[in-house]
PDB file of N, CA and C in Angstrom:
ATOM      1  N   GLN A   1      86.832 117.335 109.934  1.00  0.00           N
ATOM      2  CA  GLN A   1      86.961 118.762 110.230  1.00  0.00           C
ATOM      3  C   GLN A   1      87.977 118.930 111.346  1.00  0.00           C
ATOM      4  N   VAL A   2      89.077 119.615 111.066  1.00  0.00           N
ATOM      5  CA  VAL A   2      90.109 119.846 112.077  1.00  0.00           C
ATOM      6  C   VAL A   2      89.814 121.151 112.806  1.00  0.00           C
ATOM      7  N   GLN A   3      89.946 121.125 114.110  1.00  0.00           N
ATOM      8  CA  GLN A   3      89.751 122.334 114.921  1.00  0.00           C
ATOM      9  C   GLN A   3      90.884 122.483 115.920  1.00  0.00           C
ATOM     10  N   LEU A   4      91.239 123.739 116.184  1.00  0.00           N
ATOM     11  CA  LEU A   4      92.213 124.068 117.215  1.00  0.00           C
ATOM     12  C   LEU A   4      91.497 124.871 118.291  1.00  0.00           C
ATOM     13  N   VAL A   5      91.656 124.471 119.534  1.00  0.00           N
ATOM     14  CA  VAL A   5      91.003 125.161 120.636  1.00  0.00           C
ATOM     15  C   VAL A   5      92.038 125.512 121.692  1.00  0.00           C
ATOM     16  N   GLU A   6      92.203 126.823 121.925  1.00  0.00           N
ATOM     17  CA  GLU A   6      93.140 127.293 122.945  1.00  0.00           C
ATOM     18  C   GLU A   6      92.447 127.417 124.295  1.00  0.00           C
ATOM     19  N   SER A   7      93.235 127.324 125.341  1.00  0.00           N
ATOM     20  CA  SER A   7      92.743 127.550 126.692  1.00  0.00           C
ATOM     21  C   SER A   7      93.916 127.960 127.567  1.00  0.00           C
ATOM     22  N   GLY A   8      93.601 128.442 128.765  1.00  0.00           N
ATOM     23  CA  GLY A   8      94.644 128.746 129.733  1.00  0.00           C
ATOM     24  C   GLY A   8      94.944 130.212 129.930  1.00  0.00           C
ATOM     25  N   GLY A   9      94.338 131.072 129.135  1.00  0.00           N
ATOM     26  CA  GLY A   9      94.570 132.501 129.307  1.00  0.00           C
ATOM     27  C   GLY A   9      93.837 133.047 130.517  1.00  0.00           C
ATOM     28  N   GLY A  10      94.070 134.325 130.786  1.00  0.00           N
ATOM     29  CA  GLY A  10      93.395 134.967 131.908  1.00  0.00           C
ATOM     30  C   GLY A  10      94.216 136.128 132.425  1.00  0.00           C
ATOM     31  N   PRO A  11      93.765 136.729 133.529  1.00  0.00           N
ATOM     32  CA  PRO A  11      94.518 137.822 134.126  1.00  0.00           C
ATOM     33  C   PRO A  11      95.620 137.289 135.043  1.00  0.00           C
ATOM     34  N   VAL A  12      96.725 137.991 135.078  1.00  0.00           N
ATOM     35  CA  VAL A  12      97.845 137.594 135.932  1.00  0.00           C
ATOM     36  C   VAL A  12      98.663 138.842 136.246  1.00  0.00           C
ATOM     37  N   GLN A  13      99.300 138.835 137.388  1.00  0.00           N
ATOM     38  CA  GLN A  13     100.158 139.967 137.736  1.00  0.00           C
ATOM     39  C   GLN A  13     101.546 139.797 137.123  1.00  0.00           C
ATOM     40  N   ALA A  14     102.186 140.907 136.884  1.00  0.00           N
ATOM     41  CA  ALA A  14     103.551 140.870 136.361  1.00  0.00           C
ATOM     42  C   ALA A  14     104.430 139.997 137.252  1.00  0.00           C
ATOM     43  N   GLY A  15     105.262 139.183 136.604  1.00  0.00           N
ATOM     44  CA  GLY A  15     106.104 138.245 137.320  1.00  0.00           C
ATOM     45  C   GLY A  15     105.487 136.873 137.494  1.00  0.00           C
ATOM     46  N   GLY A  16     104.206 136.771 137.212  1.00  0.00           N
ATOM     47  CA  GLY A  16     103.509 135.499 137.358  1.00  0.00           C
ATOM     48  C   GLY A  16     103.681 134.594 136.151  1.00  0.00           C
ATOM     49  N   SER A  17     102.956 133.479 136.188  1.00  0.00           N
ATOM     50  CA  SER A  17     103.069 132.461 135.139  1.00  0.00           C
ATOM     51  C   SER A  17     101.689 132.022 134.672  1.00  0.00           C
ATOM     52  N   LEU A  18     101.634 131.588 133.434  1.00  0.00           N
ATOM     53  CA  LEU A  18     100.457 130.952 132.861  1.00  0.00           C
ATOM     54  C   LEU A  18     100.930 129.855 131.918  1.00  0.00           C
ATOM     55  N   ARG A  19     100.074 128.859 131.723  1.00  0.00           N
ATOM     56  CA  ARG A  19     100.350 127.858 130.703  1.00  0.00           C
ATOM     57  C   ARG A  19      99.171 127.803 129.750  1.00  0.00           C
ATOM     58  N   LEU A  20      99.443 128.071 128.495  1.00  0.00           N
ATOM     59  CA  LEU A  20      98.426 127.992 127.461  1.00  0.00           C
ATOM     60  C   LEU A  20      98.455 126.603 126.821  1.00  0.00           C
ATOM     61  N   SER A  21      97.276 126.164 126.408  1.00  0.00           N
ATOM     62  CA  SER A  21      97.155 124.888 125.707  1.00  0.00           C
ATOM     63  C   SER A  21      96.417 125.098 124.399  1.00  0.00           C
ATOM     64  N   CYS A  22      96.739 124.266 123.424  1.00  0.00           N
ATOM     65  CA  CYS A  22      96.049 124.286 122.136  1.00  0.00           C
ATOM     66  C   CYS A  22      95.809 122.839 121.737  1.00  0.00           C
ATOM     67  N   ALA A  23      94.561 122.434 121.799  1.00  0.00           N
ATOM     68  CA  ALA A  23      94.202 121.059 121.479  1.00  0.00           C
ATOM     69  C   ALA A  23      93.700 120.977 120.047  1.00  0.00           C
ATOM     70  N   VAL A  24      94.226 119.997 119.316  1.00  0.00           N
ATOM     71  CA  VAL A  24      93.823 119.780 117.927  1.00  0.00           C
ATOM     72  C   VAL A  24      92.887 118.584 117.873  1.00  0.00           C
ATOM     73  N   SER A  25      91.733 118.766 117.274  1.00  0.00           N
ATOM     74  CA  SER A  25      90.776 117.671 117.157  1.00  0.00           C
ATOM     75  C   SER A  25      90.425 117.455 115.700  1.00  0.00           C
ATOM     76  N   GLY A  26      89.927 116.257 115.437  1.00  0.00           N
ATOM     77  CA  GLY A  26      89.565 115.901 114.077  1.00  0.00           C
ATOM     78  C   GLY A  26      89.974 114.478 113.802  1.00  0.00           C
ATOM     79  N   THR A  27      89.854 114.081 112.557  1.00  0.00           N
ATOM     80  CA  THR A  27      90.217 112.705 112.188  1.00  0.00           C
ATOM     81  C   THR A  27      91.135 112.719 110.980  1.00  0.00           C
ATOM     82  N   ARG A  28      92.012 111.744 110.961  1.00  0.00           N
ATOM     83  CA  ARG A  28      92.884 111.497 109.824  1.00  0.00           C
ATOM     84  C   ARG A  28      93.638 112.742 109.384  1.00  0.00           C
ATOM     85  N   PHE A  29      94.535 113.172 110.259  1.00  0.00           N
ATOM     86  CA  PHE A  29      95.370 114.311 109.904  1.00  0.00           C
ATOM     87  C   PHE A  29      96.766 114.133 110.484  1.00  0.00           C
ATOM     88  N   SER A  30      97.692 114.879 109.920  1.00  0.00           N
ATOM     89  CA  SER A  30      99.067 114.920 110.423  1.00  0.00           C
ATOM     90  C   SER A  30      99.434 116.368 110.652  1.00  0.00           C
ATOM     91  N   ILE A  31     100.207 116.602 111.702  1.00  0.00           N
ATOM     92  CA  ILE A  31     100.565 117.969 112.086  1.00  0.00           C
ATOM     93  C   ILE A  31     102.041 118.199 111.814  1.00  0.00           C
ATOM     94  N   ASN A  32     102.347 119.311 111.199  1.00  0.00           N
ATOM     95  CA  ASN A  32     103.740 119.692 110.996  1.00  0.00           C
ATOM     96  C   ASN A  32     104.090 120.756 112.043  1.00  0.00           C
ATOM     97  N   ASP A  33     104.394 121.964 111.615  1.00  0.00           N
ATOM     98  CA  ASP A  33     104.745 123.003 112.574  1.00  0.00           C
ATOM     99  C   ASP A  33     103.521 123.454 113.372  1.00  0.00           C
ATOM    100  N   MET A  34     103.767 123.827 114.627  1.00  0.00           N
ATOM    101  CA  MET A  34     102.744 124.468 115.456  1.00  0.00           C
ATOM    102  C   MET A  34     103.354 125.725 116.048  1.00  0.00           C
ATOM    103  N   VAL A  35     102.576 126.785 116.063  1.00  0.00           N
ATOM    104  CA  VAL A  35     103.120 128.101 116.390  1.00  0.00           C
ATOM    105  C   VAL A  35     102.156 128.850 117.305  1.00  0.00           C
ATOM    106  N   TRP A  36     102.726 129.591 118.235  1.00  0.00           N
ATOM    107  CA  TRP A  36     101.944 130.553 119.030  1.00  0.00           C
ATOM    108  C   TRP A  36     102.234 131.960 118.510  1.00  0.00           C
ATOM    109  N   TYR A  37     101.147 132.720 118.317  1.00  0.00           N
ATOM    110  CA  TYR A  37     101.234 134.115 117.930  1.00  0.00           C
ATOM    111  C   TYR A  37     100.590 134.971 119.015  1.00  0.00           C
ATOM    112  N   LEU A  38     101.049 136.206 119.103  1.00  0.00           N
ATOM    113  CA  LEU A  38     100.453 137.188 120.002  1.00  0.00           C
ATOM    114  C   LEU A  38      99.970 138.375 119.185  1.00  0.00           C
ATOM    115  N   GLN A  39      98.722 138.751 119.425  1.00  0.00           N
ATOM    116  CA  GLN A  39      98.233 140.019 118.881  1.00  0.00           C
ATOM    117  C   GLN A  39      98.000 140.960 120.053  1.00  0.00           C
ATOM    118  N   ALA A  40      98.963 141.849 120.261  1.00  0.00           N
ATOM    119  CA  ALA A  40      98.846 142.839 121.326  1.00  0.00           C
ATOM    120  C   ALA A  40      97.890 143.943 120.881  1.00  0.00           C
ATOM    121  N   PRO A  41      97.295 144.650 121.836  1.00  0.00           N
ATOM    122  CA  PRO A  41      96.354 145.717 121.479  1.00  0.00           C
ATOM    123  C   PRO A  41      96.969 146.730 120.527  1.00  0.00           C
ATOM    124  N   GLY A  42      96.291 146.968 119.401  1.00  0.00           N
ATOM    125  CA  GLY A  42      96.741 147.946 118.435  1.00  0.00           C
ATOM    126  C   GLY A  42      97.918 147.530 117.597  1.00  0.00           C
ATOM    127  N   LYS A  43      98.323 146.265 117.683  1.00  0.00           N
ATOM    128  CA  LYS A  43      99.498 145.807 116.941  1.00  0.00           C
ATOM    129  C   LYS A  43      99.145 144.634 116.039  1.00  0.00           C
ATOM    130  N   GLN A  44     100.062 144.361 115.122  1.00  0.00           N
ATOM    131  CA  GLN A  44      99.872 143.202 114.258  1.00  0.00           C
ATOM    132  C   GLN A  44     100.207 141.916 115.004  1.00  0.00           C
ATOM    133  N   ARG A  45      99.658 140.840 114.505  1.00  0.00           N
ATOM    134  CA  ARG A  45      99.943 139.532 115.078  1.00  0.00           C
ATOM    135  C   ARG A  45     101.416 139.196 114.848  1.00  0.00           C
ATOM    136  N   GLU A  46     102.087 138.727 115.905  1.00  0.00           N
ATOM    137  CA  GLU A  46     103.515 138.424 115.815  1.00  0.00           C
ATOM    138  C   GLU A  46     103.792 137.020 116.349  1.00  0.00           C
ATOM    139  N   LEU A  47     104.785 136.405 115.755  1.00  0.00           N
ATOM    140  CA  LEU A  47     105.174 135.064 116.208  1.00  0.00           C
ATOM    141  C   LEU A  47     105.825 135.155 117.584  1.00  0.00           C
ATOM    142  N   VAL A  48     105.412 134.266 118.455  1.00  0.00           N
ATOM    143  CA  VAL A  48     105.993 134.179 119.798  1.00  0.00           C
ATOM    144  C   VAL A  48     106.929 132.983 119.894  1.00  0.00           C
ATOM    145  N   ALA A  49     106.423 131.821 119.457  1.00  0.00           N
ATOM    146  CA  ALA A  49     107.233 130.612 119.566  1.00  0.00           C
ATOM    147  C   ALA A  49     106.742 129.590 118.551  1.00  0.00           C
ATOM    148  N   ARG A  50     107.704 128.823 118.019  1.00  0.00           N
ATOM    149  CA  ARG A  50     107.384 127.778 117.030  1.00  0.00           C
ATOM    150  C   ARG A  50     107.937 126.446 117.481  1.00  0.00           C
ATOM    151  N   GLY A  51     107.147 125.425 117.294  1.00  0.00           N
ATOM    152  CA  GLY A  51     107.619 124.056 117.510  1.00  0.00           C
ATOM    153  C   GLY A  51     107.449 123.301 116.213  1.00  0.00           C
ATOM    154  N   THR A  52     108.541 122.829 115.634  1.00  0.00           N
ATOM    155  CA  THR A  52     108.451 122.174 114.338  1.00  0.00           C
ATOM    156  C   THR A  52     108.073 120.704 114.490  1.00  0.00           C
ATOM    157  N   GLY A  53     107.737 120.113 113.367  1.00  0.00           N
ATOM    158  CA  GLY A  53     107.359 118.712 113.373  1.00  0.00           C
ATOM    159  C   GLY A  53     108.483 117.765 113.742  1.00  0.00           C
ATOM    160  N   ILE A  54     109.714 118.240 113.651  1.00  0.00           N
ATOM    161  CA  ILE A  54     110.855 117.391 113.996  1.00  0.00           C
ATOM    162  C   ILE A  54     111.440 117.769 115.350  1.00  0.00           C
ATOM    163  N   GLY A  55     110.735 118.604 116.109  1.00  0.00           N
ATOM    164  CA  GLY A  55     111.131 118.867 117.485  1.00  0.00           C
ATOM    165  C   GLY A  55     111.970 120.095 117.723  1.00  0.00           C
ATOM    166  N   ALA A  56     112.262 120.845 116.677  1.00  0.00           N
ATOM    167  CA  ALA A  56     113.027 122.075 116.879  1.00  0.00           C
ATOM    168  C   ALA A  56     112.099 123.170 117.403  1.00  0.00           C
ATOM    169  N   THR A  57     112.693 124.138 118.084  1.00  0.00           N
ATOM    170  CA  THR A  57     111.916 125.263 118.594  1.00  0.00           C
ATOM    171  C   THR A  57     112.643 126.561 118.300  1.00  0.00           C
ATOM    172  N   ASN A  58     111.869 127.626 118.157  1.00  0.00           N
ATOM    173  CA  ASN A  58     112.474 128.947 118.124  1.00  0.00           C
ATOM    174  C   ASN A  58     111.500 129.949 118.716  1.00  0.00           C
ATOM    175  N   TYR A  59     112.074 131.061 119.187  1.00  0.00           N
ATOM    176  CA  TYR A  59     111.316 132.026 119.972  1.00  0.00           C
ATOM    177  C   TYR A  59     111.592 133.455 119.496  1.00  0.00           C
ATOM    178  N   ALA A  60     110.614 134.313 119.724  1.00  0.00           N
ATOM    179  CA  ALA A  60     110.846 135.740 119.568  1.00  0.00           C
ATOM    180  C   ALA A  60     111.856 136.177 120.632  1.00  0.00           C
ATOM    181  N   ASP A  61     112.688 137.144 120.289  1.00  0.00           N
ATOM    182  CA  ASP A  61     113.716 137.603 121.233  1.00  0.00           C
ATOM    183  C   ASP A  61     113.086 138.074 122.543  1.00  0.00           C
ATOM    184  N   SER A  62     111.898 138.644 122.453  1.00  0.00           N
ATOM    185  CA  SER A  62     111.263 139.228 123.633  1.00  0.00           C
ATOM    186  C   SER A  62     110.850 138.191 124.670  1.00  0.00           C
ATOM    187  N   VAL A  63     110.759 136.926 124.280  1.00  0.00           N
ATOM    188  CA  VAL A  63     110.294 135.902 125.230  1.00  0.00           C
ATOM    189  C   VAL A  63     111.351 134.848 125.534  1.00  0.00           C
ATOM    190  N   LYS A  64     112.500 134.926 124.876  1.00  0.00           N
ATOM    191  CA  LYS A  64     113.545 133.928 125.121  1.00  0.00           C
ATOM    192  C   LYS A  64     113.927 133.904 126.592  1.00  0.00           C
ATOM    193  N   GLY A  65     114.027 132.702 127.135  1.00  0.00           N
ATOM    194  CA  GLY A  65     114.384 132.542 128.531  1.00  0.00           C
ATOM    195  C   GLY A  65     113.207 132.637 129.481  1.00  0.00           C
ATOM    196  N   ARG A  66     112.045 133.068 128.976  1.00  0.00           N
ATOM    197  CA  ARG A  66     110.848 133.178 129.822  1.00  0.00           C
ATOM    198  C   ARG A  66     109.742 132.216 129.393  1.00  0.00           C
ATOM    199  N   PHE A  67     109.607 131.997 128.098  1.00  0.00           N
ATOM    200  CA  PHE A  67     108.546 131.135 127.566  1.00  0.00           C
ATOM    201  C   PHE A  67     109.149 129.842 127.052  1.00  0.00           C
ATOM    202  N   THR A  68     108.365 128.760 127.166  1.00  0.00           N
ATOM    203  CA  THR A  68     108.775 127.475 126.634  1.00  0.00           C
ATOM    204  C   THR A  68     107.622 126.850 125.868  1.00  0.00           C
ATOM    205  N   ILE A  69     107.881 126.492 124.613  1.00  0.00           N
ATOM    206  CA  ILE A  69     106.872 125.818 123.804  1.00  0.00           C
ATOM    207  C   ILE A  69     107.137 124.317 123.853  1.00  0.00           C
ATOM    208  N   SER A  70     106.064 123.549 123.932  1.00  0.00           N
ATOM    209  CA  SER A  70     106.200 122.102 123.911  1.00  0.00           C
ATOM    210  C   SER A  70     104.958 121.510 123.281  1.00  0.00           C
ATOM    211  N   ARG A  71     105.048 120.255 122.871  1.00  0.00           N
ATOM    212  CA  ARG A  71     103.895 119.613 122.260  1.00  0.00           C
ATOM    213  C   ARG A  71     103.845 118.157 122.687  1.00  0.00           C
ATOM    214  N   ASP A  72     102.649 117.681 122.866  1.00  0.00           N
ATOM    215  CA  ASP A  72     102.394 116.283 123.169  1.00  0.00           C
ATOM    216  C   ASP A  72     101.754 115.702 121.919  1.00  0.00           C
ATOM    217  N   ASN A  73     102.524 114.936 121.160  1.00  0.00           N
ATOM    218  CA  ASN A  73     102.017 114.432 119.878  1.00  0.00           C
ATOM    219  C   ASN A  73     100.969 113.340 120.069  1.00  0.00           C
ATOM    220  N   VAL A  74     100.955 112.697 121.193  1.00  0.00           N
ATOM    221  CA  VAL A  74      99.918 111.686 121.454  1.00  0.00           C
ATOM    222  C   VAL A  74      98.595 112.383 121.737  1.00  0.00           C
ATOM    223  N   LYS A  75      98.646 113.400 122.580  1.00  0.00           N
ATOM    224  CA  LYS A  75      97.427 114.148 122.907  1.00  0.00           C
ATOM    225  C   LYS A  75      97.092 115.186 121.836  1.00  0.00           C
ATOM    226  N   LYS A  76      98.009 115.382 120.876  1.00  0.00           N
ATOM    227  CA  LYS A  76      97.826 116.380 119.818  1.00  0.00           C
ATOM    228  C   LYS A  76      97.539 117.754 120.437  1.00  0.00           C
ATOM    229  N   THR A  77      98.382 118.113 121.370  1.00  0.00           N
ATOM    230  CA  THR A  77      98.223 119.365 122.098  1.00  0.00           C
ATOM    231  C   THR A  77      99.544 120.118 122.129  1.00  0.00           C
ATOM    232  N   LEU A  78      99.435 121.419 121.911  1.00  0.00           N
ATOM    233  CA  LEU A  78     100.574 122.333 121.972  1.00  0.00           C
ATOM    234  C   LEU A  78     100.454 123.141 123.247  1.00  0.00           C
ATOM    235  N   TYR A  79     101.584 123.401 123.891  1.00  0.00           N
ATOM    236  CA  TYR A  79     101.589 124.169 125.123  1.00  0.00           C
ATOM    237  C   TYR A  79     102.522 125.378 124.996  1.00  0.00           C
ATOM    238  N   LEU A  80     102.238 126.378 125.799  1.00  0.00           N
ATOM    239  CA  LEU A  80     103.153 127.504 125.944  1.00  0.00           C
ATOM    240  C   LEU A  80     103.227 127.837 127.429  1.00  0.00           C
ATOM    241  N   GLN A  81     104.351 127.497 128.046  1.00  0.00           N
ATOM    242  CA  GLN A  81     104.580 127.860 129.438  1.00  0.00           C
ATOM    243  C   GLN A  81     105.174 129.253 129.460  1.00  0.00           C
ATOM    244  N   MET A  82     104.492 130.170 130.121  1.00  0.00           N
ATOM    245  CA  MET A  82     104.903 131.568 130.151  1.00  0.00           C
ATOM    246  C   MET A  82     105.252 131.935 131.592  1.00  0.00           C
ATOM    247  N   ASN A  83     106.519 132.245 131.817  1.00  0.00           N
ATOM    248  CA  ASN A  83     106.999 132.636 133.145  1.00  0.00           C
ATOM    249  C   ASN A  83     107.479 134.079 133.131  1.00  0.00           C
ATOM    250  N   ARG A  84     107.574 134.646 134.321  1.00  0.00           N
ATOM    251  CA  ARG A  84     108.060 136.041 134.481  1.00  0.00           C
ATOM    252  C   ARG A  84     107.346 136.962 133.493  1.00  0.00           C
ATOM    253  N   LEU A  85     106.028 136.880 133.516  1.00  0.00           N
ATOM    254  CA  LEU A  85     105.216 137.649 132.572  1.00  0.00           C
ATOM    255  C   LEU A  85     105.362 139.146 132.806  1.00  0.00           C
ATOM    256  N   LYS A  86     105.278 139.877 131.698  1.00  0.00           N
ATOM    257  CA  LYS A  86     105.395 141.326 131.709  1.00  0.00           C
ATOM    258  C   LYS A  86     104.116 141.939 131.129  1.00  0.00           C
ATOM    259  N   PRO A  87     103.822 143.185 131.478  1.00  0.00           N
ATOM    260  CA  PRO A  87     102.635 143.825 130.892  1.00  0.00           C
ATOM    261  C   PRO A  87     102.638 143.812 129.366  1.00  0.00           C
ATOM    262  N   GLU A  88     103.811 143.870 128.761  1.00  0.00           N
ATOM    263  CA  GLU A  88     103.871 143.866 127.287  1.00  0.00           C
ATOM    264  C   GLU A  88     103.574 142.499 126.679  1.00  0.00           C
ATOM    265  N   ASP A  89     103.397 141.497 127.514  1.00  0.00           N
ATOM    266  CA  ASP A  89     102.961 140.181 127.029  1.00  0.00           C
ATOM    267  C   ASP A  89     101.439 140.118 126.886  1.00  0.00           C
ATOM    268  N   THR A  90     100.763 141.183 127.238  1.00  0.00           N
ATOM    269  CA  THR A  90      99.294 141.235 127.164  1.00  0.00           C
ATOM    270  C   THR A  90      98.805 141.179 125.728  1.00  0.00           C
ATOM    271  N   GLY A  91      97.725 140.442 125.511  1.00  0.00           N
ATOM    272  CA  GLY A  91      97.099 140.363 124.208  1.00  0.00           C
ATOM    273  C   GLY A  91      96.401 139.038 124.022  1.00  0.00           C
ATOM    274  N   VAL A  92      95.986 138.812 122.796  1.00  0.00           N
ATOM    275  CA  VAL A  92      95.336 137.547 122.452  1.00  0.00           C
ATOM    276  C   VAL A  92      96.385 136.617 121.841  1.00  0.00           C
ATOM    277  N   TYR A  93      96.471 135.433 122.409  1.00  0.00           N
ATOM    278  CA  TYR A  93      97.400 134.421 121.915  1.00  0.00           C
ATOM    279  C   TYR A  93      96.648 133.436 121.027  1.00  0.00           C
ATOM    280  N   TYR A  94      97.179 133.259 119.837  1.00  0.00           N
ATOM    281  CA  TYR A  94      96.571 132.359 118.862  1.00  0.00           C
ATOM    282  C   TYR A  94      97.488 131.174 118.589  1.00  0.00           C
ATOM    283  N   CYS A  95      96.874 130.042 118.445  1.00  0.00           N
ATOM    284  CA  CYS A  95      97.573 128.832 118.051  1.00  0.00           C
ATOM    285  C   CYS A  95      97.388 128.645 116.549  1.00  0.00           C
ATOM    286  N   ASN A  96      98.458 128.287 115.890  1.00  0.00           N
ATOM    287  CA  ASN A  96      98.442 128.038 114.447  1.00  0.00           C
ATOM    288  C   ASN A  96      99.132 126.713 114.190  1.00  0.00           C
ATOM    289  N   ALA A  97      98.590 125.951 113.253  1.00  0.00           N
ATOM    290  CA  ALA A  97      99.221 124.674 112.924  1.00  0.00           C
ATOM    291  C   ALA A  97      99.146 124.427 111.425  1.00  0.00           C
ATOM    292  N   ILE A  98     100.190 123.827 110.904  1.00  0.00           N
ATOM    293  CA  ILE A  98     100.176 123.381 109.507  1.00  0.00           C
ATOM    294  C   ILE A  98      99.807 121.906 109.530  1.00  0.00           C
ATOM    295  N   ILE A  99      98.669 121.604 108.932  1.00  0.00           N
ATOM    296  CA  ILE A  99      98.075 120.280 109.084  1.00  0.00           C
ATOM    297  C   ILE A  99      97.756 119.698 107.726  1.00  0.00           C
ATOM    298  N   LEU A 100      98.028 118.403 107.601  1.00  0.00           N
ATOM    299  CA  LEU A 100      97.707 117.674 106.378  1.00  0.00           C
ATOM    300  C   LEU A 100      96.432 116.872 106.590  1.00  0.00           C
ATOM    301  N   THR A 101      95.428 117.164 105.813  1.00  0.00           N
ATOM    302  CA  THR A 101      94.263 116.287 105.705  1.00  0.00           C
ATOM    303  C   THR A 101      94.314 115.728 104.285  1.00  0.00           C
ATOM    304  N   ASP A 102      93.571 116.319 103.382  1.00  0.00           N
ATOM    305  CA  ASP A 102      93.743 115.948 101.972  1.00  0.00           C
ATOM    306  C   ASP A 102      94.786 116.842 101.304  1.00  0.00           C
ATOM    307  N   THR A 103      95.148 117.924 101.993  1.00  0.00           N
ATOM    308  CA  THR A 103      96.181 118.835 101.527  1.00  0.00           C
ATOM    309  C   THR A 103      96.753 119.562 102.731  1.00  0.00           C
ATOM    310  N   TRP A 104      97.953 120.149 102.587  1.00  0.00           N
ATOM    311  CA  TRP A 104      98.531 120.928 103.679  1.00  0.00           C
ATOM    312  C   TRP A 104      97.880 122.308 103.712  1.00  0.00           C
ATOM    313  N   ARG A 105      97.499 122.741 104.905  1.00  0.00           N
ATOM    314  CA  ARG A 105      96.989 124.090 105.037  1.00  0.00           C
ATOM    315  C   ARG A 105      97.153 124.569 106.471  1.00  0.00           C
ATOM    316  N   ASP A 106      97.011 125.891 106.633  1.00  0.00           N
ATOM    317  CA  ASP A 106      97.075 126.524 107.942  1.00  0.00           C
ATOM    318  C   ASP A 106      95.733 126.425 108.661  1.00  0.00           C
ATOM    319  N   TYR A 107      95.789 126.137 109.941  1.00  0.00           N
ATOM    320  CA  TYR A 107      94.595 126.191 110.787  1.00  0.00           C
ATOM    321  C   TYR A 107      94.888 127.129 111.964  1.00  0.00           C
ATOM    322  N   TRP A 108      93.837 127.829 112.401  1.00  0.00           N
ATOM    323  CA  TRP A 108      93.956 128.768 113.512  1.00  0.00           C
ATOM    324  C   TRP A 108      92.930 128.468 114.581  1.00  0.00           C
ATOM    325  N   GLY A 109      93.339 128.696 115.832  1.00  0.00           N
ATOM    326  CA  GLY A 109      92.384 128.660 116.917  1.00  0.00           C
ATOM    327  C   GLY A 109      91.691 130.005 117.060  1.00  0.00           C
ATOM    328  N   GLN A 110      90.788 130.067 118.038  1.00  0.00           N
ATOM    329  CA  GLN A 110      89.988 131.271 118.219  1.00  0.00           C
ATOM    330  C   GLN A 110      90.695 132.303 119.079  1.00  0.00           C
ATOM    331  N   GLY A 111      91.785 131.915 119.733  1.00  0.00           N
ATOM    332  CA  GLY A 111      92.547 132.835 120.558  1.00  0.00           C
ATOM    333  C   GLY A 111      92.158 132.771 122.021  1.00  0.00           C
ATOM    334  N   THR A 112      93.109 133.091 122.874  1.00  0.00           N
ATOM    335  CA  THR A 112      92.860 133.165 124.303  1.00  0.00           C
ATOM    336  C   THR A 112      93.524 134.433 124.834  1.00  0.00           C
ATOM    337  N   GLN A 113      92.781 135.178 125.637  1.00  0.00           N
ATOM    338  CA  GLN A 113      93.242 136.478 126.121  1.00  0.00           C
ATOM    339  C   GLN A 113      94.147 136.317 127.335  1.00  0.00           C
ATOM    340  N   VAL A 114      95.277 136.993 127.291  1.00  0.00           N
ATOM    341  CA  VAL A 114      96.182 137.071 128.442  1.00  0.00           C
ATOM    342  C   VAL A 114      96.338 138.546 128.811  1.00  0.00           C
ATOM    343  N   THR A 115      96.092 138.851 130.071  1.00  0.00           N
ATOM    344  CA  THR A 115      96.215 140.227 130.535  1.00  0.00           C
ATOM    345  C   THR A 115      97.159 140.267 131.727  1.00  0.00           C
ATOM    346  N   VAL A 116      98.291 140.949 131.549  1.00  0.00           N
ATOM    347  CA  VAL A 116      99.297 141.039 132.593  1.00  0.00           C
ATOM    348  C   VAL A 116      99.260 142.444 133.178  1.00  0.00           C
ATOM    349  N   SER A 117      98.987 142.520 134.466  1.00  0.00           N
ATOM    350  CA  SER A 117      98.902 143.824 135.133  1.00  0.00           C
ATOM    351  C   SER A 117     100.185 144.103 135.908  1.00  0.00           C
ATOM    352  N   SER A 118     100.529 145.374 135.957  1.00  0.00           N
ATOM    353  CA  SER A 118     101.774 145.756 136.641  1.00  0.00           C
ATOM    354  C   SER A 118     101.529 146.028 138.119  1.00  0.00           C
TER     355      SER A 118
END
């Protein structure tokens, strides 16, 4: 059974920083792309940053230059370093991964709340 567990969210003032983590647990699996999504209040879930299985990254325009996605393949953990946070970065951040067990499929974490106050 593969599980994704996010952590690191919380309240922060505008201009501050947070680092989110997403730990993948389970047995006998391989991870391809890992992605952070944001669901802001009243909005649809949107991609924030992607880290591919071959090390490429891409970001939403709104976070370029402020957020950095990284992954530790030994620890099977995805990170999102968020700097110069803005109130519009507020919402629930979800970790998503494409994982191979007996077949490739999407897995989601439970989400972690980030609240940026002005």
